[in-house]
Amino acid sequence: MGVVPFPDGSSSPAHMPAPASPTSSPGPAPAAAVSGAPAGGARTKGAPKAVDKETTAGILLGIGAYGLWGLLPLYFFVLMPAGAVEIVANRVVWSLLFCALLITVTRSWGTLSRALRDRSVFGTLAVAAFLIAINWLTYTYGVTTGQAVEASLGYFINPLVSVMLGVLVLKEKLRPLQWAAVAIGFIAVGVLTYSYGKLPWIALTLAFSFGLYGFVKKRVGPKVDAVTSLSVETVVLAPFAAVTMIYLASAGTATLTTQGPGHFWLLLASGVITAVPLVFFGAAARRLPMTSIGLLQYSAPVLQFILALLVFKEAMTVDRWIGFGVVWLALLVLTVDMLRTARKTSVARRRSKASLKST
């Protein structure tokens, strides 16, 4: 798909980002590395089984990551009456503390220190931090104000935005089916604009902020893993988040300590809820090919969409169903192109290996 952005914002070539590392190379490890097969390509009896176990683990971890992201609206719902600004501020502060714990357990303080001292890495992640803050604020606002359907739309159209950014920013050449998908996506936005009576700004802000976030994170490449990246980003945002929390408390509008112990601990849990899916995703990305990750990505907005309809009881007019249908058609075209390209690449690799053996 050109660059496909992952939910934590890292990116890998296909076109969606691969966060424990979002930037880890996707795909299963070589059989020798996984199963202890001897060097030189000799296979041991257990090698296929080891690879199968890795793939199964990757799928389960990927489902866990996207499932948790898909169920996130329920978390924001139970945090009411906390608003989007307070939720995101708490999410940043408690994520930083949880990341500090993870870095201590994994003994990665040296890696974090090097990332903070490297100007190019720190500068890039600082830009990424503000982009993801916009994304978090917009998404939380959408869910807490009864616009979860439109919020899910943002993540449906995100792959289309990522492909378009590849053309506009990276000057990539699109295949015919990719062009068709982007064109259908533009039609969908027009239909949804007519349906909503306004531009679906929540969906577009989510799609573009996350798409740009993935583009920016791609510049960091394999220099930082998921936990280090998240830690640097929260270090950048933490002062703003802390000031926000203090301001809300002084203004008497903070809910952290006014809604009982359950609400207090739920807000504190935002650090765990932010970091755990990223860890799952990083582990999945190391075990699965990009094609599998690209297909799994749709499970999160599907879950969000279902929750918006069945749990939050948001209305869907006929016009909106048509608009979403056009979006899903665009995604189907994009997915077909991704699968065809992956198949051709696989066939080409097998032929290349066969020709090398014959010579």
Protein backbone atom coordinates (compact mmCIF):
# COMPACT_ATOMS: atom_id res chain seq x y z
CA MET A 1 0.00 0.00 0.00
CA GLY A 2 2.93 2.32 -0.33
CA VAL A 3 3.61 3.40 3.33
CA VAL A 4 1.08 1.82 5.68
CA PRO A 5 0.93 3.74 9.01
CA PHE A 6 0.58 1.60 12.14
CA PRO A 7 -1.45 2.80 15.12
CA ASP A 8 1.59 3.84 17.05
CA GLY A 9 2.75 5.80 14.09
CA SER A 10 5.79 3.98 12.87
CA SER A 11 5.87 2.95 9.23
CA SER A 12 7.11 0.26 6.97
CA PRO A 13 7.18 -0.08 3.26
CA ALA A 14 4.12 -1.71 1.62
CA HIS A 15 2.85 1.94 1.93
CA MET A 16 0.85 1.67 7.14
CA PRO A 17 4.00 2.63 10.64
CA ALA A 18 6.06 -0.84 12.54
CA PRO A 19 6.35 -0.10 16.16
CA ALA A 20 8.64 -3.83 21.11
CA SER A 21 9.68 -2.03 18.07
CA PRO A 22 7.38 -0.11 15.76
CA THR A 23 10.25 0.15 13.38
CA SER A 24 11.23 -3.48 13.54
CA SER A 25 11.32 -5.30 10.27
CA PRO A 26 8.00 -7.06 9.76
CA GLY A 27 7.81 -10.68 8.87
CA PRO A 28 8.73 -13.93 10.54
CA ALA A 29 12.31 -14.51 11.58
CA PRO A 30 14.41 -16.76 9.40
CA ALA A 31 14.04 -20.44 10.18
CA ALA A 32 17.61 -20.65 11.42
CA ALA A 33 17.02 -17.88 13.92
CA VAL A 34 13.67 -19.21 15.06
CA SER A 35 14.32 -22.89 15.31
CA GLY A 36 18.03 -23.14 15.66
CA ALA A 37 18.57 -24.59 12.18
CA PRO A 38 22.23 -24.76 11.23
CA ALA A 39 23.75 -22.10 9.03
CA GLY A 40 23.89 -22.67 5.32
CA GLY A 41 20.19 -23.29 4.82
CA ALA A 42 20.05 -26.86 6.20
CA ARG A 43 16.67 -27.46 7.78
CA THR A 44 15.99 -29.33 10.95
CA LYS A 45 12.91 -31.41 11.46
CA GLY A 46 11.30 -28.89 13.82
CA ALA A 47 11.91 -25.75 11.74
CA PRO A 48 8.47 -25.51 10.02
CA LYS A 49 6.71 -26.04 13.34
CA ALA A 50 8.77 -23.27 14.95
CA VAL A 51 7.87 -20.87 12.15
CA ASP A 52 4.20 -21.81 12.47
CA LYS A 53 4.32 -21.07 16.19
CA GLU A 54 5.87 -17.68 15.51
CA THR A 55 3.18 -16.85 12.95
CA THR A 56 0.39 -17.98 15.28
CA ALA A 57 1.84 -15.92 18.11
CA GLY A 58 2.11 -12.92 15.78
CA ILE A 59 -1.53 -13.19 14.74
CA LEU A 60 -2.70 -13.49 18.34
CA LEU A 61 -0.57 -10.52 19.40
CA GLY A 62 -1.82 -8.48 16.43
CA ILE A 63 -5.43 -9.30 17.27
CA GLY A 64 -4.72 -8.32 20.88
CA ALA A 65 -3.22 -4.97 19.85
CA TYR A 66 -5.91 -3.99 17.36
CA GLY A 67 -8.63 -5.40 19.61
CA LEU A 68 -7.52 -3.17 22.49
CA TRP A 69 -7.35 -0.15 20.16
CA GLY A 70 -10.80 -1.01 18.84
CA LEU A 71 -12.26 -1.20 22.35
CA LEU A 72 -10.69 2.11 23.42
CA PRO A 73 -14.00 4.03 23.06
CA LEU A 74 -15.42 2.00 25.95
CA TYR A 75 -12.59 3.22 28.15
CA PHE A 76 -13.23 6.86 27.28
CA PHE A 77 -16.95 6.30 27.83
CA VAL A 78 -16.50 5.05 31.42
CA LEU A 79 -14.17 7.99 32.15
CA MET A 80 -16.99 10.51 31.72
CA PRO A 81 -17.51 13.21 32.95
CA ALA A 82 -13.80 13.73 32.22
CA GLY A 83 -13.39 15.67 28.97
CA ALA A 84 -10.99 15.07 26.09
CA VAL A 85 -8.34 17.52 27.33
CA GLU A 86 -8.21 16.02 30.82
CA ILE A 87 -8.16 12.44 29.51
CA VAL A 88 -5.28 13.14 27.12
CA ALA A 89 -3.31 15.07 29.75
CA ASN A 90 -3.61 12.14 32.16
CA ARG A 91 -2.81 9.70 29.38
CA VAL A 92 0.47 11.49 28.69
CA VAL A 93 1.58 11.85 32.32
CA TRP A 94 0.78 8.28 33.39
CA SER A 95 2.17 6.86 30.14
CA LEU A 96 5.48 8.51 30.98
CA LEU A 97 5.56 6.84 34.40
CA PHE A 98 4.65 3.46 32.92
CA CYS A 99 7.32 3.85 30.23
CA ALA A 100 9.87 4.64 32.95
CA LEU A 101 8.92 1.37 34.61
CA LEU A 102 9.24 -0.56 31.34
CA ILE A 103 12.61 1.01 30.58
CA THR A 104 13.82 0.11 34.07
CA VAL A 105 12.67 -3.50 33.70
CA THR A 106 14.24 -3.83 30.23
CA ARG A 107 17.37 -1.88 31.27
CA SER A 108 16.99 0.50 28.35
CA TRP A 109 17.95 3.78 30.02
CA GLY A 110 21.06 3.96 27.86
CA THR A 111 18.98 3.66 24.69
CA LEU A 112 16.62 6.39 25.89
CA SER A 113 19.54 8.65 26.83
CA ARG A 114 21.09 8.27 23.37
CA ALA A 115 17.75 9.06 21.72
CA LEU A 116 17.36 12.23 23.83
CA ARG A 117 20.91 13.37 22.98
CA ASP A 118 20.58 12.69 19.24
CA ARG A 119 19.22 15.96 17.83
CA SER A 120 17.81 14.44 14.67
CA VAL A 121 16.01 11.67 16.56
CA PHE A 122 14.75 13.94 19.33
CA GLY A 123 13.62 16.65 16.90
CA THR A 124 11.76 14.17 14.73
CA LEU A 125 10.05 12.54 17.70
CA ALA A 126 9.12 15.98 19.10
CA VAL A 127 7.23 16.72 15.87
CA ALA A 128 5.67 13.25 16.06
CA ALA A 129 4.63 13.94 19.67
CA PHE A 130 2.59 17.00 18.74
CA LEU A 131 0.99 15.20 15.80
CA ILE A 132 -0.08 12.28 17.99
CA ALA A 133 -1.35 14.73 20.63
CA ILE A 134 -3.62 16.26 17.97
CA ASN A 135 -4.72 12.76 17.00
CA TRP A 136 -5.46 11.71 20.61
CA LEU A 137 -7.32 14.93 21.40
CA THR A 138 -9.45 14.72 18.27
CA TYR A 139 -10.28 11.04 18.76
CA THR A 140 -11.12 11.44 22.45
CA TYR A 141 -13.23 14.52 21.67
CA GLY A 142 -15.12 12.58 18.98
CA VAL A 143 -15.90 9.65 21.29
CA THR A 144 -16.86 11.76 24.33
CA THR A 145 -19.15 14.05 22.33
CA GLY A 146 -21.22 11.34 20.64
CA GLN A 147 -19.30 11.28 17.34
CA ALA A 148 -17.63 7.87 17.60
CA VAL A 149 -18.92 6.84 14.14
CA GLU A 150 -17.08 9.73 12.51
CA ALA A 151 -14.00 8.96 14.63
CA SER A 152 -13.97 5.38 13.33
CA LEU A 153 -14.26 6.77 9.80
CA GLY A 154 -10.93 8.55 10.34
CA TYR A 155 -9.12 5.24 10.79
CA PHE A 156 -10.97 3.67 7.86
CA ILE A 157 -9.72 6.36 5.48
CA ASN A 158 -6.24 6.58 7.04
CA PRO A 159 -4.70 4.03 4.60
CA LEU A 160 -6.01 6.12 1.69
CA VAL A 161 -4.47 9.26 3.19
CA SER A 162 -1.17 7.44 3.67
CA VAL A 163 -1.13 6.45 0.01
CA MET A 164 -1.92 10.04 -1.00
CA LEU A 165 0.86 11.39 1.24
CA GLY A 166 3.22 9.00 -0.48
CA VAL A 167 2.43 10.73 -3.77
CA LEU A 168 2.43 14.33 -2.50
CA VAL A 169 5.37 14.15 -0.08
CA LEU A 170 7.50 11.19 -1.14
CA LYS A 171 6.74 11.55 -4.89
CA GLU A 172 5.88 7.85 -5.10
CA LYS A 173 4.28 6.38 -8.21
CA LEU A 174 0.97 4.67 -7.60
CA ARG A 175 -0.27 1.53 -9.28
CA PRO A 176 -3.61 1.77 -11.16
CA LEU A 177 -5.63 0.14 -8.37
CA GLN A 178 -4.11 2.53 -5.82
CA TRP A 179 -5.16 5.48 -7.98
CA ALA A 180 -8.65 3.99 -8.21
CA ALA A 181 -8.82 3.59 -4.43
CA VAL A 182 -7.77 7.20 -3.82
CA ALA A 183 -10.31 8.47 -6.38
CA ILE A 184 -13.08 6.43 -4.74
CA GLY A 185 -11.97 7.84 -1.39
CA PHE A 186 -12.44 11.40 -2.65
CA ILE A 187 -15.94 10.49 -3.82
CA ALA A 188 -16.66 9.03 -0.36
CA VAL A 189 -15.59 12.27 1.36
CA GLY A 190 -17.92 14.19 -0.95
CA VAL A 191 -20.84 11.89 -0.14
CA LEU A 192 -20.14 12.10 3.60
CA THR A 193 -19.81 15.90 3.45
CA TYR A 194 -23.27 16.03 1.89
CA SER A 195 -24.59 13.57 4.49
CA TYR A 196 -23.17 15.41 7.52
CA GLY A 197 -23.97 18.83 6.09
CA LYS A 198 -20.35 19.79 6.74
CA LEU A 199 -16.87 18.49 6.06
CA PRO A 200 -16.25 15.44 8.34
CA TRP A 201 -13.42 17.31 10.05
CA ILE A 202 -13.01 14.83 12.92
CA ALA A 203 -12.40 11.95 10.50
CA LEU A 204 -10.11 14.01 8.25
CA THR A 205 -8.11 15.40 11.19
CA LEU A 206 -7.61 11.88 12.54
CA ALA A 207 -6.61 10.47 9.16
CA PHE A 208 -4.18 13.26 8.27
CA SER A 209 -2.64 13.65 11.75
CA PHE A 210 -2.01 9.92 11.96
CA GLY A 211 -0.81 9.72 8.36
CA LEU A 212 1.66 12.57 8.95
CA TYR A 213 2.66 10.98 12.25
CA GLY A 214 3.55 7.79 10.40
CA PHE A 215 5.47 9.77 7.78
CA VAL A 216 7.48 11.61 10.45
CA LYS A 217 8.18 8.43 12.41
CA LYS A 218 9.45 6.77 9.24
CA ARG A 219 12.35 9.24 9.27
CA VAL A 220 13.53 7.81 12.58
CA GLY A 221 13.69 4.37 11.01
CA PRO A 222 15.20 1.60 13.12
CA LYS A 223 17.03 3.98 15.47
CA VAL A 224 14.49 3.61 18.29
CA ASP A 225 12.13 0.89 19.43
CA ALA A 226 8.46 1.32 20.42
CA VAL A 227 8.98 1.90 24.14
CA THR A 228 11.87 4.35 23.60
CA SER A 229 9.89 6.21 20.95
CA LEU A 230 6.80 6.48 23.15
CA SER A 231 8.98 7.56 26.07
CA VAL A 232 10.62 10.40 24.13
CA GLU A 233 7.26 11.57 22.82
CA THR A 234 5.73 11.60 26.30
CA VAL A 235 8.82 13.42 27.66
CA VAL A 236 8.09 16.16 25.10
CA LEU A 237 4.38 16.32 25.92
CA ALA A 238 4.57 15.75 29.70
CA PRO A 239 5.28 19.40 30.70
CA PHE A 240 2.25 20.60 28.72
CA ALA A 241 0.13 17.77 30.13
CA ALA A 242 1.22 18.50 33.71
CA VAL A 243 0.45 22.21 33.35
CA THR A 244 -2.96 21.31 31.92
CA MET A 245 -3.72 19.02 34.85
CA ILE A 246 -2.70 21.73 37.33
CA TYR A 247 -4.81 24.33 35.53
CA LEU A 248 -7.88 22.07 35.47
CA ALA A 249 -7.45 21.30 39.18
CA SER A 250 -7.09 24.98 40.09
CA ALA A 251 -10.14 25.85 37.98
CA GLY A 252 -12.16 23.18 39.76
CA THR A 253 -12.96 21.28 36.56
CA ALA A 254 -10.62 18.31 37.01
CA THR A 255 -12.30 14.99 37.77
CA LEU A 256 -9.20 12.99 38.79
CA THR A 257 -9.89 13.25 42.53
CA THR A 258 -13.57 14.22 42.56
CA GLN A 259 -15.35 11.17 41.13
CA GLY A 260 -14.32 8.49 43.61
CA PRO A 261 -11.46 5.98 43.79
CA GLY A 262 -12.70 3.96 40.80
CA HIS A 263 -12.47 6.96 38.48
CA PHE A 264 -9.07 7.90 39.94
CA TRP A 265 -7.55 4.48 39.23
CA LEU A 266 -9.13 4.29 35.80
CA LEU A 267 -7.45 7.55 34.82
CA LEU A 268 -4.13 6.33 36.23
CA ALA A 269 -4.51 3.14 34.19
CA SER A 270 -4.32 5.21 30.98
CA GLY A 271 -0.55 4.70 30.98
CA VAL A 272 -0.93 0.93 30.85
CA ILE A 273 -3.79 1.13 28.36
CA THR A 274 -1.63 3.27 26.07
CA ALA A 275 1.56 1.19 26.26
CA VAL A 276 0.33 -2.42 26.31
CA PRO A 277 -1.20 -2.45 22.78
CA LEU A 278 2.03 -0.91 21.46
CA VAL A 279 4.08 -3.70 23.02
CA PHE A 280 1.70 -6.30 21.56
CA PHE A 281 1.86 -4.64 18.17
CA GLY A 282 5.64 -4.44 18.17
CA ALA A 283 5.86 -8.17 18.93
CA ALA A 284 3.31 -8.93 16.17
CA ALA A 285 5.14 -6.79 13.61
CA ARG A 286 8.34 -8.77 14.16
CA ARG A 287 6.55 -12.06 13.46
CA LEU A 288 4.16 -11.24 10.62
CA PRO A 289 4.59 -10.06 7.01
CA MET A 290 3.28 -6.63 6.07
CA THR A 291 0.32 -8.17 4.22
CA SER A 292 -1.01 -9.70 7.43
CA ILE A 293 -0.47 -6.49 9.39
CA GLY A 294 -2.20 -4.52 6.62
CA LEU A 295 -5.27 -6.74 6.86
CA LEU A 296 -5.36 -6.76 10.67
CA GLN A 297 -5.37 -2.94 10.77
CA TYR A 298 -9.02 -2.80 9.71
CA SER A 299 -10.20 -4.67 12.80
CA ALA A 300 -9.77 -1.59 15.06
CA PRO A 301 -12.07 0.81 13.15
CA VAL A 302 -14.55 -2.03 12.57
CA LEU A 303 -14.79 -2.57 16.34
CA GLN A 304 -15.05 1.19 16.93
CA PHE A 305 -17.83 1.43 14.34
CA ILE A 306 -19.77 -1.47 15.90
CA LEU A 307 -19.44 0.04 19.39
CA ALA A 308 -20.68 3.41 18.10
CA LEU A 309 -23.81 1.78 16.67
CA LEU A 310 -24.62 -0.88 19.27
CA VAL A 311 -23.31 0.58 22.54
CA PHE A 312 -23.41 4.36 22.03
CA LYS A 313 -26.55 4.15 19.85
CA GLU A 314 -25.33 6.74 17.35
CA ALA A 315 -27.57 7.34 14.35
CA MET A 316 -26.65 6.25 10.81
CA THR A 317 -28.71 7.79 8.04
CA VAL A 318 -29.02 6.23 4.59
CA ASP A 319 -26.66 8.90 3.20
CA ARG A 320 -24.02 8.00 5.78
CA TRP A 321 -24.35 4.29 5.06
CA ILE A 322 -23.76 5.10 1.38
CA GLY A 323 -20.71 7.21 2.27
CA PHE A 324 -19.24 4.49 4.47
CA GLY A 325 -20.01 1.94 1.76
CA VAL A 326 -17.97 3.96 -0.75
CA VAL A 327 -15.09 4.15 1.77
CA TRP A 328 -15.21 0.38 2.25
CA LEU A 329 -15.19 -0.08 -1.53
CA ALA A 330 -12.02 2.03 -1.72
CA LEU A 331 -10.43 -0.07 1.03
CA LEU A 332 -11.42 -3.26 -0.79
CA VAL A 333 -9.68 -2.03 -3.95
CA LEU A 334 -6.60 -1.05 -1.92
CA THR A 335 -6.56 -4.45 -0.19
CA VAL A 336 -6.85 -6.33 -3.49
CA ASP A 337 -3.90 -4.33 -4.81
CA MET A 338 -1.89 -5.08 -1.66
CA LEU A 339 -2.58 -8.83 -1.89
CA ARG A 340 -1.79 -8.94 -5.62
CA THR A 341 1.47 -7.09 -5.10
CA ALA A 342 2.46 -9.32 -2.18
CA ARG A 343 1.71 -12.43 -4.27
CA LYS A 344 3.75 -11.16 -7.23
CA THR A 345 6.64 -10.30 -4.91
CA SER A 346 6.50 -13.75 -3.34
CA VAL A 347 6.47 -15.47 -6.75
CA ALA A 348 9.38 -13.31 -7.94
CA ARG A 349 11.41 -14.21 -4.86
CA ARG A 350 10.77 -17.93 -5.31
CA ARG A 351 11.81 -17.75 -8.96
CA SER A 352 14.92 -15.80 -8.03
CA LYS A 353 15.88 -18.39 -5.43
CA ALA A 354 15.20 -21.21 -7.89
CA SER A 355 17.39 -19.60 -10.54
CA LEU A 356 20.21 -19.08 -8.04
CA LYS A 357 20.07 -22.75 -7.01
CA SER A 358 20.10 -23.91 -10.63
CA THR A 359 23.26 -21.91 -11.29
